Amino acid sequence: MRQQERLAGADFLRATACLLVLAHHFALRLDMRRIPDELGPTAHILRFGNFGVAIFFVLSGFLLAHPFWRALDAGADMPSLRHYAIRRTVRIAPGFWFAATIGFALSLTLLDLPLTPELVLRYVSGLLFMSQWHWRTLFPVEADGPLWSIAFEVTSYVLLPICFLLLFRLPVLRRRPLPARFGWLCVMTAVLLAHVLILTFFPLDDIGRGWQYGLQGGAKEWMPRYNPIGFFAVFALGALSAGVEVMLPAKRSSWFDAAAALAIAVAGYRLVISPGGSDAGYGWLEIPYGFPVFPLAAATALVSLSHSQRLGRLFDNAAVRYIAKISFGIYIWQEIILILIQRLDPGSFGFSSENVVTGWLQSCGLAAALILLVASLSYFLLEKPAIDFGNRLTSRQPNRATPFKV
């Protein structure tokens, strides 16, 4: 079946998201005061590589919603939630738990933080995927800040089948694609309303707020605009795009190549114009990362590339597929490696170099090589065995879910 095949363009978007986030963390270590004026605009754009997080959420919603839409359109039962839960758990939990544990140990040793109840609470809440509900626990460990988004994504994993359950309970939506998509738009409207209510009724005070107070101060700066419900709106947009994709004919067309190119250009333009605004790129309803323009462009690119004649296959080349395969490891291990380099060599990333850009590039090259190595080891020694185990647990029934790798 067409839907069971690898969707063209998905690996490209996954690899792009991963590399954007990596570029963001590299740029945070560049001394902007010392760079030449002509490089300033490019350096500031790199800082908005955090928009890659939005691509991850769109991509996840896009891929995971496919089996639900296919079942709904066919008038069948919902996909197995047991299989869905097992596959999500084995894909995310082992790597996340291991990275969080290493990050927690490094927080106590390399960063020399005292072992306090608060630090333990953050770590435990992260292991339970519950760190996303309060600014004190938003960052599970000090030595691996990017782990904050994993619990947010797990919330979306839970909410996706719950929202689809509402659609499956309405017989009028079965075998009726257009009313079903309208039903999902209603779900998204309710999600956005819930996000607005969170902003309205859960404001935070200014005591200890700001990145100058560390990760917890930064979390207080982010919240409540950063909340799991608002991020689910981005995820749900990806799910809606999956609903559009399954309605399209299987025949590929050059028109989709043009649409994909335009969508990528719009996403790139939204990224380029971000400097000068907030670091999180707050968009409509103060949802981060250029919502809805940037995630909508990513969703459009996903739909278009999956039906394109050339671009989808061109972008999903061997190198891109490999980066996509180990992208989760790149995401969860990059900050640990960057912190290790900085602690072992305080002059790294150009801080002790006469030419700050040259020194920064040299450190970035070293860091990128180490990150790719560790991510590869993480995938083949930890993540893949867990995925294979999950596949064996769910092999008695046909796989109804499109695999997703963050």
Protein backbone atom coordinates (compact mmCIF):
# COMPACT_ATOMS: atom_id res chain seq x y z
CA MET A 1 0.00 0.00 0.00
CA ARG A 2 1.19 3.51 -0.74
CA GLN A 3 0.68 4.67 2.84
CA GLN A 4 2.84 1.85 4.17
CA GLU A 5 5.81 3.01 2.11
CA ARG A 6 8.34 5.52 3.31
CA LEU A 7 6.88 8.98 2.79
CA ALA A 8 9.22 10.99 0.58
CA GLY A 9 10.51 14.14 2.22
CA ALA A 10 9.98 13.00 5.81
CA ASP A 11 13.65 12.14 6.32
CA PHE A 12 14.66 15.47 4.80
CA LEU A 13 12.45 17.41 7.21
CA ARG A 14 13.65 15.32 10.16
CA ALA A 15 17.30 15.86 9.28
CA THR A 16 16.68 19.57 8.68
CA ALA A 17 15.01 19.96 12.07
CA CYS A 18 17.86 18.16 13.78
CA LEU A 19 20.57 20.24 12.10
CA LEU A 20 18.71 23.50 12.74
CA VAL A 21 18.61 22.77 16.47
CA LEU A 22 22.29 21.86 16.41
CA ALA A 23 23.11 25.11 14.60
CA HIS A 24 21.12 26.97 17.27
CA HIS A 25 23.22 25.50 20.07
CA PHE A 26 26.42 26.20 18.17
CA ALA A 27 25.37 29.83 17.64
CA LEU A 28 24.66 30.26 21.35
CA ARG A 29 28.37 29.67 21.91
CA LEU A 30 29.54 32.34 19.49
CA ASP A 31 30.64 35.64 21.01
CA MET A 32 28.48 38.02 18.98
CA ARG A 33 30.43 41.05 20.23
CA ARG A 34 33.60 39.95 18.44
CA ILE A 35 32.36 38.78 15.07
CA PRO A 36 32.80 40.95 11.94
CA ASP A 37 29.82 43.14 11.12
CA GLU A 38 29.25 41.42 7.79
CA LEU A 39 28.76 38.06 9.54
CA GLY A 40 26.36 39.43 12.13
CA PRO A 41 23.10 38.81 10.21
CA THR A 42 24.02 35.20 9.44
CA ALA A 43 25.02 34.52 13.04
CA HIS A 44 21.76 35.94 14.33
CA ILE A 45 19.76 33.80 11.90
CA LEU A 46 21.58 30.68 13.15
CA ARG A 47 20.33 31.45 16.65
CA PHE A 48 16.82 30.81 15.37
CA GLY A 49 17.64 27.23 14.55
CA ASN A 50 15.41 26.49 17.55
CA PHE A 51 12.57 26.65 14.99
CA GLY A 52 13.63 23.09 14.22
CA VAL A 53 11.65 22.02 17.29
CA ALA A 54 8.46 23.10 15.52
CA ILE A 55 9.38 20.89 12.54
CA PHE A 56 9.80 17.93 14.89
CA PHE A 57 6.30 18.46 16.28
CA VAL A 58 4.73 18.88 12.85
CA LEU A 59 6.55 15.82 11.51
CA SER A 60 5.56 13.70 14.50
CA GLY A 61 1.91 14.65 14.20
CA PHE A 62 2.01 14.07 10.44
CA LEU A 63 3.43 10.56 10.66
CA LEU A 64 1.58 9.31 13.72
CA ALA A 65 -1.82 10.50 12.54
CA HIS A 66 -1.71 8.55 9.26
CA PRO A 67 -3.05 5.23 10.58
CA PHE A 68 -5.85 7.02 12.44
CA TRP A 69 -7.00 8.86 9.31
CA ARG A 70 -6.83 5.71 7.20
CA ALA A 71 -8.92 3.77 9.71
CA LEU A 72 -11.45 6.59 10.08
CA ASP A 73 -11.84 7.01 6.32
CA ALA A 74 -12.27 3.25 5.90
CA GLY A 75 -14.90 3.03 8.63
CA ALA A 76 -12.64 0.66 10.62
CA ASP A 77 -11.85 0.55 14.32
CA MET A 78 -9.15 2.77 15.80
CA PRO A 79 -5.59 1.46 15.47
CA SER A 80 -4.37 -0.59 18.42
CA LEU A 81 -3.57 1.82 21.25
CA ARG A 82 -1.50 -0.91 22.91
CA HIS A 83 0.76 -1.13 19.88
CA TYR A 84 0.83 2.65 19.58
CA ALA A 85 1.92 3.02 23.23
CA ILE A 86 4.57 0.29 22.98
CA ARG A 87 6.12 1.75 19.85
CA ARG A 88 6.20 5.26 21.23
CA THR A 89 7.71 4.08 24.51
CA VAL A 90 10.50 1.98 23.02
CA ARG A 91 11.37 4.73 20.55
CA ILE A 92 11.65 7.53 23.07
CA ALA A 93 12.18 6.23 26.59
CA PRO A 94 15.48 4.26 26.52
CA GLY A 95 17.56 6.97 24.87
CA PHE A 96 15.90 9.74 26.85
CA TRP A 97 16.30 8.00 30.21
CA PHE A 98 19.95 7.20 29.55
CA ALA A 99 20.79 10.74 28.38
CA ALA A 100 18.89 12.26 31.33
CA THR A 101 20.77 10.03 33.76
CA ILE A 102 24.16 10.96 32.27
CA GLY A 103 23.11 14.61 32.30
CA PHE A 104 22.06 14.34 35.95
CA ALA A 105 25.40 12.75 36.90
CA LEU A 106 27.33 15.45 35.03
CA SER A 107 25.29 18.14 36.78
CA LEU A 108 26.58 16.85 40.09
CA THR A 109 30.16 16.22 38.96
CA LEU A 110 31.23 18.35 36.01
CA LEU A 111 28.99 21.29 36.91
CA ASP A 112 29.59 20.73 40.63
CA LEU A 113 25.97 21.33 41.67
CA PRO A 114 24.88 20.26 45.14
CA LEU A 115 22.49 17.31 45.37
CA THR A 116 19.31 19.08 46.45
CA PRO A 117 15.69 17.84 46.64
CA GLU A 118 14.83 20.27 43.82
CA LEU A 119 17.47 18.79 41.53
CA VAL A 120 16.20 15.29 42.27
CA LEU A 121 12.60 16.40 41.71
CA ARG A 122 13.49 17.75 38.28
CA TYR A 123 15.29 14.55 37.33
CA VAL A 124 12.51 12.24 38.54
CA SER A 125 9.78 14.33 36.90
CA GLY A 126 11.76 14.10 33.67
CA LEU A 127 12.03 10.31 33.90
CA LEU A 128 8.25 10.18 34.38
CA PHE A 129 7.69 12.56 31.42
CA MET A 130 5.94 15.01 33.74
CA SER A 131 8.45 17.86 33.74
CA GLN A 132 6.45 19.95 31.26
CA TRP A 133 3.79 21.16 33.69
CA HIS A 134 5.81 23.57 35.86
CA TRP A 135 8.69 25.98 35.34
CA ARG A 136 10.66 24.46 38.22
CA THR A 137 10.88 21.10 36.47
CA LEU A 138 10.75 22.18 32.81
CA PHE A 139 14.46 21.39 32.37
CA PRO A 140 14.94 17.91 33.88
CA VAL A 141 18.72 18.20 34.22
CA GLU A 142 21.15 21.11 34.14
CA ALA A 143 23.64 19.46 31.80
CA ASP A 144 21.18 18.65 29.01
CA GLY A 145 18.76 21.50 28.39
CA PRO A 146 17.26 20.22 25.09
CA LEU A 147 15.58 17.35 26.95
CA TRP A 148 12.79 19.78 27.90
CA SER A 149 10.92 19.14 24.64
CA ILE A 150 10.66 15.37 25.02
CA ALA A 151 8.02 15.55 27.75
CA PHE A 152 6.12 18.10 25.66
CA GLU A 153 6.10 15.66 22.77
CA VAL A 154 4.99 12.79 24.99
CA THR A 155 1.98 14.92 25.98
CA SER A 156 1.13 15.22 22.29
CA TYR A 157 1.50 11.45 21.92
CA VAL A 158 -1.16 11.03 24.60
CA LEU A 159 -3.50 13.71 23.32
CA LEU A 160 -3.46 12.53 19.69
CA PRO A 161 -5.41 9.26 20.19
CA ILE A 162 -7.69 10.93 22.75
CA CYS A 163 -8.72 13.55 20.20
CA PHE A 164 -9.12 10.95 17.48
CA LEU A 165 -11.30 8.92 19.83
CA LEU A 166 -13.76 11.79 19.75
CA LEU A 167 -13.89 11.60 15.96
CA PHE A 168 -14.25 7.80 15.93
CA ARG A 169 -17.19 8.08 18.34
CA LEU A 170 -19.14 10.12 15.77
CA PRO A 171 -20.57 7.78 13.10
CA VAL A 172 -21.27 10.72 10.82
CA LEU A 173 -17.50 11.21 10.35
CA ARG A 174 -16.72 7.64 9.29
CA ARG A 175 -16.10 7.20 5.55
CA ARG A 176 -16.65 10.94 5.14
CA PRO A 177 -13.21 12.55 4.76
CA LEU A 178 -14.22 16.21 4.50
CA PRO A 179 -16.49 16.27 7.59
CA ALA A 180 -13.81 14.35 9.48
CA ARG A 181 -11.19 16.99 8.64
CA PHE A 182 -13.62 19.69 9.71
CA GLY A 183 -14.03 17.81 12.97
CA TRP A 184 -10.27 17.93 13.45
CA LEU A 185 -10.32 21.68 12.81
CA CYS A 186 -12.83 21.92 15.65
CA VAL A 187 -10.44 19.95 17.85
CA MET A 188 -7.64 22.37 16.96
CA THR A 189 -9.89 25.34 17.78
CA ALA A 190 -10.57 23.86 21.21
CA VAL A 191 -6.83 23.31 21.74
CA LEU A 192 -6.03 26.91 20.85
CA LEU A 193 -8.76 28.13 23.19
CA ALA A 194 -7.28 26.01 25.98
CA HIS A 195 -3.87 27.56 25.26
CA VAL A 196 -5.35 31.06 25.57
CA LEU A 197 -6.97 30.12 28.88
CA ILE A 198 -3.59 28.92 30.17
CA LEU A 199 -2.01 32.25 29.22
CA THR A 200 -4.84 34.11 30.91
CA PHE A 201 -5.18 32.20 34.16
CA PHE A 202 -1.63 31.00 34.83
CA PRO A 203 0.67 34.05 34.56
CA LEU A 204 3.99 33.94 36.38
CA ASP A 205 5.58 36.63 38.53
CA ASP A 206 8.93 38.25 37.76
CA ILE A 207 10.83 36.91 40.78
CA GLY A 208 13.84 34.94 39.51
CA ARG A 209 12.58 35.24 35.96
CA GLY A 210 15.06 35.42 33.07
CA TRP A 211 17.99 33.48 31.66
CA GLN A 212 20.37 35.33 33.96
CA TYR A 213 18.96 33.09 36.71
CA GLY A 214 19.90 29.87 34.92
CA LEU A 215 17.73 27.23 33.34
CA GLN A 216 14.94 27.57 35.87
CA GLY A 217 14.88 31.33 35.35
CA GLY A 218 14.75 30.70 31.63
CA ALA A 219 11.89 28.27 32.10
CA LYS A 220 10.01 30.93 34.02
CA GLU A 221 10.71 33.31 31.14
CA TRP A 222 9.24 30.81 28.68
CA MET A 223 6.16 29.76 30.59
CA PRO A 224 3.19 29.93 30.31
CA ARG A 225 3.69 30.66 26.59
CA TYR A 226 5.61 27.40 26.44
CA ASN A 227 3.00 24.89 27.55
CA PRO A 228 2.14 21.37 26.34
CA ILE A 229 -1.27 22.41 25.03
CA GLY A 230 0.12 25.16 22.83
CA PHE A 231 2.72 22.75 21.45
CA PHE A 232 -0.02 20.21 20.78
CA ALA A 233 -1.57 22.81 18.47
CA VAL A 234 1.61 22.57 16.36
CA PHE A 235 1.49 18.77 16.58
CA ALA A 236 -2.21 18.79 15.61
CA LEU A 237 -1.40 20.91 12.57
CA GLY A 238 0.91 18.13 11.44
CA ALA A 239 -1.88 15.62 12.09
CA LEU A 240 -4.25 17.69 9.95
CA SER A 241 -1.72 17.72 7.12
CA ALA A 242 -1.65 13.92 7.30
CA GLY A 243 -5.41 13.97 6.84
CA VAL A 244 -4.93 16.05 3.71
CA GLU A 245 -2.15 13.80 2.41
CA VAL A 246 -4.16 10.56 2.61
CA MET A 247 -6.96 12.17 0.58
CA LEU A 248 -4.66 12.97 -2.34
CA PRO A 249 -4.32 10.62 -5.32
CA ALA A 250 -1.28 8.35 -5.37
CA LYS A 251 -0.05 9.75 -8.70
CA ARG A 252 2.94 12.06 -8.35
CA SER A 253 2.96 15.45 -10.02
CA SER A 254 5.47 18.19 -10.75
CA TRP A 255 2.93 20.62 -9.29
CA PHE A 256 3.78 19.17 -5.90
CA ASP A 257 7.47 19.82 -6.56
CA ALA A 258 6.60 23.48 -7.10
CA ALA A 259 4.39 23.56 -3.99
CA ALA A 260 7.13 21.96 -1.90
CA ALA A 261 9.73 24.45 -3.14
CA LEU A 262 7.40 27.34 -2.34
CA ALA A 263 6.63 25.97 1.14
CA ILE A 264 10.33 25.54 1.92
CA ALA A 265 10.99 29.09 0.69
CA VAL A 266 8.23 30.45 2.95
CA ALA A 267 9.64 28.56 5.94
CA GLY A 268 13.12 29.84 5.15
CA TYR A 269 11.86 33.40 4.81
CA ARG A 270 10.05 33.19 8.16
CA LEU A 271 13.29 32.01 9.71
CA VAL A 272 15.37 34.73 8.10
CA ILE A 273 13.12 37.58 9.30
CA SER A 274 13.08 36.31 12.90
CA PRO A 275 16.14 38.27 14.16
CA GLY A 276 15.00 41.45 15.84
CA GLY A 277 12.05 39.73 17.51
CA SER A 278 11.91 37.49 20.55
CA ASP A 279 14.42 34.65 20.80
CA ALA A 280 11.57 32.13 20.75
CA GLY A 281 9.94 33.66 17.68
CA TYR A 282 6.52 33.95 19.30
CA GLY A 283 3.76 34.00 16.74
CA TRP A 284 -0.02 34.09 16.81
CA LEU A 285 -1.44 33.58 20.32
CA GLU A 286 2.18 33.74 21.54
CA ILE A 287 2.89 30.18 20.45
CA PRO A 288 6.65 29.81 19.81
CA TYR A 289 8.51 29.32 16.56
CA GLY A 290 6.58 31.48 14.15
CA PHE A 291 3.17 29.88 14.62
CA PRO A 292 1.27 29.34 12.40
CA VAL A 293 3.31 30.41 9.35
CA PHE A 294 6.44 28.36 9.97
CA PRO A 295 4.79 25.08 11.06
CA LEU A 296 2.16 25.46 8.33
CA ALA A 297 4.92 25.82 5.75
CA ALA A 298 6.63 22.71 7.16
CA ALA A 299 3.35 20.79 7.00
CA THR A 300 2.76 21.91 3.42
CA ALA A 301 6.28 20.82 2.49
CA LEU A 302 5.63 17.38 4.00
CA VAL A 303 2.43 16.88 2.05
CA SER A 304 3.92 18.19 -1.18
CA LEU A 305 7.21 16.29 -1.00
CA SER A 306 5.39 13.01 -0.40
CA HIS A 307 3.65 13.46 -3.78
CA SER A 308 6.44 15.20 -5.69
CA GLN A 309 8.10 13.71 -8.75
CA ARG A 310 11.70 14.67 -8.02
CA LEU A 311 12.30 16.79 -4.92
CA GLY A 312 11.19 14.21 -2.36
CA ARG A 313 13.57 11.56 -3.66
CA LEU A 314 16.32 14.11 -4.27
CA PHE A 315 16.17 15.45 -0.74
CA ASP A 316 15.94 11.99 0.84
CA ASN A 317 19.42 10.96 -0.27
CA ALA A 318 21.64 8.52 1.61
CA ALA A 319 23.37 11.15 3.76
CA VAL A 320 20.06 12.77 4.71
CA ARG A 321 18.52 9.39 5.55
CA TYR A 322 21.41 8.58 7.86
CA ILE A 323 21.19 11.92 9.66
CA ALA A 324 17.45 11.33 10.04
CA LYS A 325 18.05 7.85 11.41
CA ILE A 326 20.32 9.08 14.21
CA SER A 327 18.56 12.43 14.68
CA PHE A 328 17.10 11.56 18.07
CA GLY A 329 20.57 10.78 19.36
CA ILE A 330 21.92 14.03 17.91
CA TYR A 331 19.18 15.92 19.71
CA ILE A 332 19.53 14.33 23.15
CA TRP A 333 23.35 14.15 23.27
CA GLN A 334 24.46 17.41 21.64
CA GLU A 335 24.30 19.63 24.73
CA ILE A 336 26.20 17.15 26.89
CA ILE A 337 29.04 17.01 24.38
CA LEU A 338 29.10 20.80 23.96
CA ILE A 339 29.27 21.33 27.72
CA LEU A 340 32.04 18.73 28.03
CA ILE A 341 34.10 20.51 25.36
CA GLN A 342 33.64 23.88 27.05
CA ARG A 343 34.53 22.54 30.49
CA LEU A 344 37.59 20.63 29.30
CA ASP A 345 38.76 23.51 27.09
CA PRO A 346 37.49 26.90 28.37
CA GLY A 347 39.06 28.61 25.34
CA SER A 348 36.99 26.60 22.86
CA PHE A 349 34.45 28.08 20.46
CA GLY A 350 36.73 31.03 19.76
CA PHE A 351 36.89 32.45 23.28
CA SER A 352 40.71 32.29 23.36
CA SER A 353 41.25 32.68 19.62
CA GLU A 354 42.45 35.86 17.98
CA ASN A 355 39.98 35.17 15.19
CA VAL A 356 36.76 34.28 17.01
CA VAL A 357 35.00 32.91 13.93
CA THR A 358 37.87 30.59 13.01
CA GLY A 359 38.14 29.29 16.56
CA TRP A 360 34.38 28.82 16.75
CA LEU A 361 34.29 26.91 13.46
CA GLN A 362 37.10 24.61 14.59
CA SER A 363 35.29 23.78 17.82
CA CYS A 364 32.00 23.31 15.96
CA GLY A 365 33.70 20.87 13.58
CA LEU A 366 35.09 18.84 16.47
CA ALA A 367 31.77 18.93 18.31
CA ALA A 368 29.82 17.89 15.19
CA ALA A 369 32.10 14.88 14.65
CA LEU A 370 31.75 13.78 18.28
CA ILE A 371 27.99 14.31 18.26
CA LEU A 372 27.57 12.23 15.11
CA LEU A 373 29.72 9.48 16.63
CA VAL A 374 27.84 9.40 19.93
CA ALA A 375 24.46 9.62 18.18
CA SER A 376 25.42 6.67 15.96
CA LEU A 377 26.45 4.62 18.98
CA SER A 378 23.25 5.63 20.74
CA TYR A 379 21.16 4.47 17.80
CA PHE A 380 22.83 1.13 17.12
CA LEU A 381 23.59 0.11 20.70
CA LEU A 382 20.53 1.48 22.53
CA GLU A 383 17.72 2.82 20.37
CA LYS A 384 17.60 0.20 17.60
CA PRO A 385 17.59 -2.80 19.97
CA ALA A 386 14.70 -1.18 21.84
CA ILE A 387 12.85 -0.51 18.56
CA ASP A 388 13.39 -4.11 17.45
CA PHE A 389 12.07 -5.34 20.80
CA GLY A 390 8.98 -3.19 20.37
CA ASN A 391 8.49 -4.56 16.86
CA ARG A 392 8.58 -8.10 18.21
CA LEU A 393 6.03 -7.24 20.87
CA THR A 394 3.64 -5.86 18.26
CA SER A 395 4.37 -8.25 15.39
CA ARG A 396 1.29 -10.41 15.89
CA GLN A 397 -0.86 -7.81 14.16
CA PRO A 398 -0.15 -5.79 11.03
CA ASN A 399 1.70 -2.61 11.84
CA ARG A 400 -0.86 0.15 11.61
CA ALA A 401 1.46 2.97 12.59
CA THR A 402 3.96 4.74 10.41
CA PRO A 403 7.33 4.63 12.20
CA PHE A 404 8.56 7.95 13.52
CA LYS A 405 12.05 8.86 14.61
CA VAL A 406 12.78 12.18 16.25
